[in-house]
């Protein structure tokens, strides 16, 4: 009986030691300019809007993911990324009625699962609704 009581804790402690290993190197995160390329959507209750960022710097905004290739798009334009600062410029569609509304600047955190927007400056009320939102990666 006594042996079981002593053996149990010893095996448990030995098992913990066997599980400990040297820290593993985490692979470096891809640059934001690569991570941003893809399609994203926001989920209700914030809306169902979807956006596609292409490697050529173009951006396309649609009402939802099913309409990303449908005409007309909500907005068509371009994106530029400098570190964690994203500049969205719309040339067609929403935010193009007034010249000062064409461009919005956001701090972004981009990962393989999504993108989080924090407004730096944007006079377009419709686009600036993304402030504080996370959009989830579709592709």
N, C-alpha and C. Protein backbone atom coordinates (compact mmCIF):
# COMPACT_ATOMS: atom_id res chain seq x y z
N UNK A 1 0.79 -1.19 0.00
CA UNK A 1 0.00 0.00 0.00
C UNK A 1 0.85 1.27 0.00
N UNK A 2 1.85 1.24 0.82
CA UNK A 2 2.71 2.41 0.94
C UNK A 2 3.43 2.71 -0.37
N UNK A 3 3.83 1.70 -1.05
CA UNK A 3 4.56 1.88 -2.31
C UNK A 3 3.69 2.60 -3.35
N UNK A 4 2.42 2.27 -3.41
CA UNK A 4 1.54 2.91 -4.38
C UNK A 4 1.41 4.40 -4.12
N UNK A 5 1.36 4.75 -2.86
CA UNK A 5 1.23 6.16 -2.53
C UNK A 5 2.47 6.95 -2.91
N UNK A 6 3.61 6.37 -2.77
CA UNK A 6 4.85 7.06 -3.10
C UNK A 6 5.10 7.01 -4.60
N UNK A 7 4.82 5.88 -5.21
CA UNK A 7 5.09 5.70 -6.63
C UNK A 7 4.24 6.64 -7.49
N UNK A 8 2.98 6.81 -7.14
CA UNK A 8 2.09 7.67 -7.93
C UNK A 8 2.64 9.07 -8.11
N UNK A 9 2.98 9.77 -7.00
CA UNK A 9 3.52 11.13 -7.15
C UNK A 9 4.83 11.17 -7.90
N UNK A 10 5.68 10.15 -7.70
CA UNK A 10 6.97 10.15 -8.39
C UNK A 10 6.75 10.02 -9.89
N UNK A 11 5.86 9.13 -10.32
CA UNK A 11 5.57 8.98 -11.74
C UNK A 11 4.98 10.26 -12.32
N UNK A 12 4.12 10.92 -11.58
CA UNK A 12 3.51 12.15 -12.03
C UNK A 12 4.57 13.22 -12.25
N UNK A 13 5.48 13.38 -11.29
CA UNK A 13 6.53 14.40 -11.39
C UNK A 13 7.48 14.04 -12.53
N UNK A 14 7.82 12.78 -12.67
CA UNK A 14 8.70 12.35 -13.75
C UNK A 14 8.04 12.62 -15.11
N UNK A 15 6.73 12.39 -15.17
CA UNK A 15 6.00 12.65 -16.40
C UNK A 15 6.02 14.12 -16.77
N UNK A 16 5.91 15.00 -15.77
CA UNK A 16 5.98 16.43 -16.05
C UNK A 16 7.34 16.82 -16.61
N UNK A 17 8.39 16.23 -16.06
CA UNK A 17 9.74 16.52 -16.56
C UNK A 17 9.91 16.06 -17.99
N UNK A 18 9.30 14.94 -18.33
CA UNK A 18 9.43 14.42 -19.69
C UNK A 18 8.68 15.30 -20.69
N UNK A 19 7.62 15.98 -20.23
CA UNK A 19 6.84 16.84 -21.13
C UNK A 19 7.55 18.15 -21.40
N UNK A 20 8.39 18.59 -20.44
CA UNK A 20 9.08 19.86 -20.63
C UNK A 20 10.14 19.68 -21.72
N UNK A 21 10.20 20.62 -22.60
CA UNK A 21 11.20 20.57 -23.66
C UNK A 21 11.71 21.98 -23.90
N UNK A 22 12.72 22.07 -24.69
CA UNK A 22 13.27 23.38 -25.01
C UNK A 22 12.25 24.19 -25.79
N UNK A 23 12.27 25.50 -25.62
CA UNK A 23 11.33 26.33 -26.39
C UNK A 23 11.57 26.14 -27.89
N UNK A 24 10.49 26.07 -28.62
CA UNK A 24 10.58 25.91 -30.07
C UNK A 24 10.54 27.28 -30.72
N UNK A 25 11.29 27.41 -31.78
CA UNK A 25 11.30 28.67 -32.51
C UNK A 25 9.99 28.82 -33.26
N UNK A 26 9.38 29.97 -33.14
CA UNK A 26 8.14 30.26 -33.85
C UNK A 26 8.51 30.78 -35.23
N UNK A 27 7.89 30.23 -36.29
CA UNK A 27 8.24 30.73 -37.62
C UNK A 27 7.90 32.21 -37.72
N UNK A 28 8.71 32.97 -38.44
CA UNK A 28 8.44 34.40 -38.55
C UNK A 28 7.11 34.66 -39.25
N UNK A 29 6.44 35.71 -38.80
CA UNK A 29 5.17 36.11 -39.42
C UNK A 29 5.47 36.69 -40.81
N UNK A 30 4.64 36.32 -41.76
CA UNK A 30 4.78 36.87 -43.11
C UNK A 30 4.56 38.38 -43.04
N UNK A 31 5.16 39.14 -43.96
CA UNK A 31 4.93 40.58 -43.95
C UNK A 31 3.45 40.90 -44.20
N UNK A 32 3.00 42.00 -43.61
CA UNK A 32 1.60 42.40 -43.77
C UNK A 32 1.19 42.53 -45.23
N UNK A 33 2.12 42.95 -46.08
CA UNK A 33 1.77 43.11 -47.50
C UNK A 33 1.44 41.77 -48.16
N UNK A 34 1.92 40.68 -47.59
CA UNK A 34 1.55 39.35 -48.08
C UNK A 34 0.31 38.84 -47.36
N UNK A 35 0.24 39.07 -46.05
CA UNK A 35 -0.89 38.58 -45.27
C UNK A 35 -2.22 39.20 -45.67
N UNK A 36 -2.20 40.45 -46.09
CA UNK A 36 -3.46 41.13 -46.39
C UNK A 36 -4.13 40.58 -47.65
N UNK A 37 -3.36 40.02 -48.56
CA UNK A 37 -3.92 39.53 -49.82
C UNK A 37 -4.91 38.41 -49.53
N UNK A 38 -6.14 38.61 -50.00
CA UNK A 38 -7.20 37.63 -49.78
C UNK A 38 -8.55 38.30 -49.67
N UNK A 39 -9.52 37.53 -49.18
CA UNK A 39 -10.89 38.02 -49.04
C UNK A 39 -11.30 37.94 -47.58
N UNK A 40 -12.04 38.96 -47.16
CA UNK A 40 -12.48 39.07 -45.77
C UNK A 40 -13.95 39.46 -45.74
N UNK A 41 -14.60 39.14 -44.61
CA UNK A 41 -15.99 39.56 -44.43
C UNK A 41 -16.22 39.90 -42.97
N UNK A 42 -17.19 40.76 -42.76
CA UNK A 42 -17.61 41.01 -41.38
C UNK A 42 -18.89 40.25 -41.14
N UNK A 43 -19.10 39.89 -39.91
CA UNK A 43 -20.25 39.07 -39.54
C UNK A 43 -21.30 39.91 -38.82
N UNK A 44 -22.58 39.50 -38.92
CA UNK A 44 -23.63 40.20 -38.17
C UNK A 44 -23.29 40.18 -36.67
N UNK A 45 -23.68 41.14 -35.92
CA UNK A 45 -24.61 42.22 -36.25
C UNK A 45 -23.95 43.41 -36.93
N UNK A 46 -22.63 43.37 -37.16
CA UNK A 46 -21.93 44.50 -37.76
C UNK A 46 -22.20 44.63 -39.25
N UNK A 47 -22.73 43.60 -39.86
CA UNK A 47 -23.02 43.62 -41.29
C UNK A 47 -22.48 42.37 -41.94
N UNK A 48 -22.62 42.31 -43.26
CA UNK A 48 -22.13 41.15 -44.01
C UNK A 48 -21.20 41.58 -45.14
N UNK A 49 -20.70 42.77 -45.08
CA UNK A 49 -19.85 43.29 -46.14
C UNK A 49 -18.60 42.43 -46.32
N UNK A 50 -18.13 42.32 -47.56
CA UNK A 50 -16.92 41.55 -47.87
C UNK A 50 -15.98 42.42 -48.69
N UNK A 51 -14.69 42.17 -48.55
CA UNK A 51 -13.69 42.92 -49.33
C UNK A 51 -12.62 41.96 -49.82
N UNK A 52 -12.11 42.27 -50.99
CA UNK A 52 -11.01 41.49 -51.58
C UNK A 52 -9.82 42.42 -51.77
N UNK A 53 -8.69 42.02 -51.21
CA UNK A 53 -7.43 42.73 -51.42
C UNK A 53 -6.58 41.86 -52.34
N UNK A 54 -6.19 42.39 -53.48
CA UNK A 54 -5.36 41.63 -54.43
C UNK A 54 -3.90 42.06 -54.30
N UNK A 55 -3.00 41.18 -54.71
CA UNK A 55 -1.57 41.44 -54.63
C UNK A 55 -1.15 42.64 -55.48
N UNK A 56 -1.94 42.96 -56.52
CA UNK A 56 -1.61 44.10 -57.38
C UNK A 56 -1.99 45.45 -56.76
N UNK A 57 -2.53 45.43 -55.52
CA UNK A 57 -2.89 46.66 -54.83
C UNK A 57 -4.32 47.10 -55.06
N UNK A 58 -5.12 46.28 -55.74
CA UNK A 58 -6.52 46.64 -55.97
C UNK A 58 -7.40 46.10 -54.84
N UNK A 59 -8.51 46.78 -54.63
CA UNK A 59 -9.47 46.38 -53.60
C UNK A 59 -10.87 46.44 -54.19
N UNK A 60 -11.72 45.51 -53.75
CA UNK A 60 -13.11 45.46 -54.22
C UNK A 60 -13.99 45.17 -53.03
N UNK A 61 -14.99 46.02 -52.80
CA UNK A 61 -15.93 45.90 -51.69
C UNK A 61 -17.28 45.48 -52.22
N UNK A 62 -17.91 44.51 -51.55
CA UNK A 62 -19.23 44.02 -51.98
C UNK A 62 -20.14 43.90 -50.77
N UNK A 63 -21.44 43.79 -51.05
CA UNK A 63 -22.44 43.68 -49.99
C UNK A 63 -22.21 42.43 -49.14
N UNK A 64 -21.80 41.34 -49.77
CA UNK A 64 -21.48 40.11 -49.05
C UNK A 64 -20.53 39.28 -49.91
N UNK A 65 -20.06 38.17 -49.38
CA UNK A 65 -19.06 37.36 -50.10
C UNK A 65 -19.58 36.81 -51.42
N UNK A 66 -20.87 36.51 -51.50
CA UNK A 66 -21.45 35.97 -52.73
C UNK A 66 -21.43 37.00 -53.87
N UNK A 67 -21.34 38.28 -53.52
CA UNK A 67 -21.38 39.32 -54.54
C UNK A 67 -20.02 39.96 -54.84
N UNK A 68 -18.94 39.35 -54.38
CA UNK A 68 -17.62 39.92 -54.63
C UNK A 68 -17.29 40.04 -56.11
N UNK A 69 -17.86 39.17 -56.93
CA UNK A 69 -17.59 39.24 -58.37
C UNK A 69 -18.76 39.83 -59.16
N UNK A 70 -19.83 40.21 -58.47
CA UNK A 70 -21.01 40.75 -59.14
C UNK A 70 -20.84 42.25 -59.41
N UNK A 71 -21.56 42.72 -60.40
CA UNK A 71 -21.56 44.15 -60.73
C UNK A 71 -22.90 44.74 -60.33
N UNK A 72 -22.95 45.94 -59.90
CA UNK A 72 -21.82 46.78 -59.55
C UNK A 72 -21.31 46.44 -58.15
N UNK A 73 -20.05 46.70 -57.92
CA UNK A 73 -19.46 46.53 -56.60
C UNK A 73 -19.87 47.72 -55.74
N UNK A 74 -19.83 47.56 -54.43
CA UNK A 74 -20.09 48.71 -53.55
C UNK A 74 -19.00 49.76 -53.74
N UNK A 75 -17.76 49.28 -53.90
CA UNK A 75 -16.63 50.19 -54.14
C UNK A 75 -15.51 49.43 -54.82
N UNK A 76 -14.77 50.16 -55.65
CA UNK A 76 -13.58 49.62 -56.30
C UNK A 76 -12.48 50.66 -56.10
N UNK A 77 -11.30 50.18 -55.75
CA UNK A 77 -10.21 51.11 -55.53
C UNK A 77 -8.90 50.40 -55.31
N UNK A 78 -8.10 50.96 -54.42
CA UNK A 78 -6.77 50.41 -54.19
C UNK A 78 -6.43 50.47 -52.71
N UNK A 79 -5.37 49.74 -52.36
CA UNK A 79 -4.88 49.74 -50.99
C UNK A 79 -3.37 49.89 -51.00
N UNK A 80 -2.86 50.51 -49.95
CA UNK A 80 -1.42 50.62 -49.73
C UNK A 80 -1.19 50.33 -48.26
N UNK A 81 -0.14 49.61 -47.98
CA UNK A 81 0.16 49.21 -46.61
C UNK A 81 1.59 49.62 -46.28
N UNK A 82 1.73 50.36 -45.21
CA UNK A 82 3.05 50.76 -44.72
C UNK A 82 3.15 50.25 -43.29
N UNK A 83 3.76 49.08 -43.13
CA UNK A 83 3.81 48.44 -41.81
C UNK A 83 2.41 48.04 -41.41
N UNK A 84 1.88 48.68 -40.36
CA UNK A 84 0.53 48.40 -39.89
C UNK A 84 -0.45 49.49 -40.24
N UNK A 85 -0.10 50.37 -41.18
CA UNK A 85 -0.99 51.48 -41.56
C UNK A 85 -1.51 51.22 -42.97
N UNK A 86 -2.83 51.04 -43.08
CA UNK A 86 -3.50 50.75 -44.34
C UNK A 86 -4.19 52.00 -44.86
N UNK A 87 -3.92 52.32 -46.12
CA UNK A 87 -4.63 53.41 -46.79
C UNK A 87 -5.54 52.78 -47.84
N UNK A 88 -6.84 53.01 -47.68
CA UNK A 88 -7.85 52.54 -48.64
C UNK A 88 -8.30 53.72 -49.48
N UNK A 89 -8.23 53.58 -50.78
CA UNK A 89 -8.67 54.63 -51.69
C UNK A 89 -9.74 54.04 -52.61
N UNK A 90 -10.93 54.63 -52.57
CA UNK A 90 -12.01 54.17 -53.44
C UNK A 90 -12.14 55.14 -54.61
N UNK A 91 -12.16 54.58 -55.83
CA UNK A 91 -12.27 55.37 -57.05
C UNK A 91 -13.67 55.31 -57.66
N UNK A 92 -14.40 54.22 -57.35
CA UNK A 92 -15.77 54.03 -57.84
C UNK A 92 -16.63 53.54 -56.69
N UNK A 93 -17.89 53.94 -56.71
CA UNK A 93 -18.84 53.46 -55.71
C UNK A 93 -18.92 54.36 -54.49
N UNK A 94 -19.13 53.74 -53.32
CA UNK A 94 -19.29 54.54 -52.11
C UNK A 94 -18.02 55.33 -51.82
N UNK A 95 -18.18 56.40 -51.09
CA UNK A 95 -17.08 57.26 -50.66
C UNK A 95 -16.37 57.95 -51.82
N UNK A 96 -17.08 58.16 -52.92
CA UNK A 96 -16.47 58.87 -54.05
C UNK A 96 -17.26 60.12 -54.44
N UNK A 97 -18.34 60.39 -53.71
CA UNK A 97 -19.18 61.54 -54.05
C UNK A 97 -18.41 62.85 -53.82
N UNK A 98 -17.66 62.91 -52.72
CA UNK A 98 -16.86 64.10 -52.40
C UNK A 98 -15.39 63.72 -52.47
N UNK A 99 -14.56 64.59 -53.01
CA UNK A 99 -13.13 64.28 -53.19
C UNK A 99 -12.43 63.95 -51.87
N UNK A 100 -12.83 64.61 -50.80
CA UNK A 100 -12.18 64.35 -49.50
C UNK A 100 -12.54 62.99 -48.91
N UNK A 101 -13.53 62.32 -49.47
CA UNK A 101 -13.96 61.00 -48.96
C UNK A 101 -13.26 59.82 -49.64
N UNK A 102 -12.51 60.06 -50.69
CA UNK A 102 -11.92 58.95 -51.45
C UNK A 102 -10.98 58.08 -50.62
N UNK A 103 -10.28 58.67 -49.66
CA UNK A 103 -9.23 57.94 -48.96
C UNK A 103 -9.48 57.87 -47.47
N UNK A 104 -9.20 56.69 -46.90
CA UNK A 104 -9.28 56.49 -45.46
C UNK A 104 -8.03 55.77 -44.99
N UNK A 105 -7.56 56.12 -43.80
CA UNK A 105 -6.35 55.52 -43.26
C UNK A 105 -6.69 54.81 -41.95
N UNK A 106 -6.19 53.59 -41.82
CA UNK A 106 -6.48 52.74 -40.67
C UNK A 106 -5.22 52.04 -40.18
N UNK A 107 -5.09 51.91 -38.88
CA UNK A 107 -4.10 51.00 -38.32
C UNK A 107 -4.74 49.63 -38.37
N UNK A 108 -3.98 48.63 -38.80
CA UNK A 108 -4.53 47.29 -38.93
C UNK A 108 -3.62 46.27 -38.23
N UNK A 109 -4.28 45.25 -37.73
CA UNK A 109 -3.58 44.08 -37.23
C UNK A 109 -4.06 42.94 -38.12
N UNK A 110 -3.13 42.32 -38.83
CA UNK A 110 -3.49 41.30 -39.82
C UNK A 110 -2.92 39.96 -39.38
N UNK A 111 -3.75 38.94 -39.48
CA UNK A 111 -3.30 37.59 -39.18
C UNK A 111 -3.88 36.64 -40.23
N UNK A 112 -3.60 35.38 -40.06
CA UNK A 112 -4.14 34.40 -41.00
C UNK A 112 -5.64 34.21 -40.83
N UNK A 113 -6.20 34.69 -39.72
CA UNK A 113 -7.64 34.50 -39.51
C UNK A 113 -8.46 35.76 -39.75
N UNK A 114 -7.82 36.91 -39.79
CA UNK A 114 -8.60 38.12 -40.02
C UNK A 114 -7.79 39.39 -39.99
N UNK A 115 -8.51 40.49 -40.01
CA UNK A 115 -7.90 41.82 -40.01
C UNK A 115 -8.73 42.73 -39.10
N UNK A 116 -8.06 43.46 -38.23
CA UNK A 116 -8.72 44.38 -37.30
C UNK A 116 -8.38 45.80 -37.70
N UNK A 117 -9.42 46.64 -37.79
CA UNK A 117 -9.28 48.03 -38.25
C UNK A 117 -9.43 49.02 -37.09
N UNK A 118 -8.54 50.00 -37.03
CA UNK A 118 -8.67 51.12 -36.10
C UNK A 118 -8.44 52.39 -36.92
N UNK A 119 -9.46 53.25 -36.95
CA UNK A 119 -9.42 54.45 -37.79
C UNK A 119 -8.35 55.43 -37.32
N UNK A 120 -7.57 55.90 -38.29
CA UNK A 120 -6.63 57.00 -38.07
C UNK A 120 -7.29 58.27 -38.59
N UNK A 121 -7.75 58.22 -39.86
CA UNK A 121 -8.47 59.35 -40.44
C UNK A 121 -9.32 58.84 -41.60
N UNK A 122 -10.57 59.28 -41.64
CA UNK A 122 -11.47 58.90 -42.73
C UNK A 122 -12.71 59.77 -42.64
N UNK A 123 -12.94 60.59 -43.65
CA UNK A 123 -14.12 61.47 -43.64
C UNK A 123 -15.36 60.78 -44.21
N UNK A 124 -15.19 59.59 -44.80
CA UNK A 124 -16.34 58.86 -45.34
C UNK A 124 -17.02 58.08 -44.23
N UNK A 125 -18.22 58.46 -43.92
CA UNK A 125 -18.96 57.85 -42.82
C UNK A 125 -19.21 56.36 -43.05
N UNK A 126 -19.55 55.98 -44.27
CA UNK A 126 -19.85 54.56 -44.54
C UNK A 126 -18.63 53.67 -44.36
N UNK A 127 -17.49 54.10 -44.87
CA UNK A 127 -16.28 53.29 -44.74
C UNK A 127 -15.79 53.30 -43.29
N UNK A 128 -15.88 54.44 -42.62
CA UNK A 128 -15.35 54.53 -41.26
C UNK A 128 -16.14 53.70 -40.25
N UNK A 129 -17.24 53.08 -40.70
CA UNK A 129 -17.97 52.16 -39.82
C UNK A 129 -17.12 50.93 -39.48
N UNK A 130 -16.03 50.69 -40.22
CA UNK A 130 -15.17 49.54 -39.93
C UNK A 130 -14.27 49.79 -38.73
N UNK A 131 -14.24 51.02 -38.21
CA UNK A 131 -13.40 51.35 -37.06
C UNK A 131 -13.73 50.43 -35.88
N UNK A 132 -12.72 49.75 -35.38
CA UNK A 132 -12.90 48.87 -34.23
C UNK A 132 -13.41 47.49 -34.57
N UNK A 133 -13.60 47.20 -35.85
CA UNK A 133 -14.15 45.91 -36.25
C UNK A 133 -13.05 44.94 -36.68
N UNK A 134 -13.37 43.67 -36.54
CA UNK A 134 -12.54 42.61 -37.08
C UNK A 134 -13.30 41.98 -38.23
N UNK A 135 -12.65 41.85 -39.36
CA UNK A 135 -13.21 41.16 -40.52
C UNK A 135 -12.49 39.83 -40.62
N UNK A 136 -13.22 38.77 -40.88
CA UNK A 136 -12.70 37.42 -40.86
C UNK A 136 -12.30 36.96 -42.26
N UNK A 137 -11.17 36.28 -42.34
CA UNK A 137 -10.66 35.81 -43.63
C UNK A 137 -11.58 34.74 -44.21
N UNK A 138 -11.93 34.91 -45.48
CA UNK A 138 -12.69 33.92 -46.24
C UNK A 138 -11.71 33.04 -46.99
N UNK A 139 -10.77 33.68 -47.68
CA UNK A 139 -9.73 32.99 -48.47
C UNK A 139 -8.41 33.62 -48.18
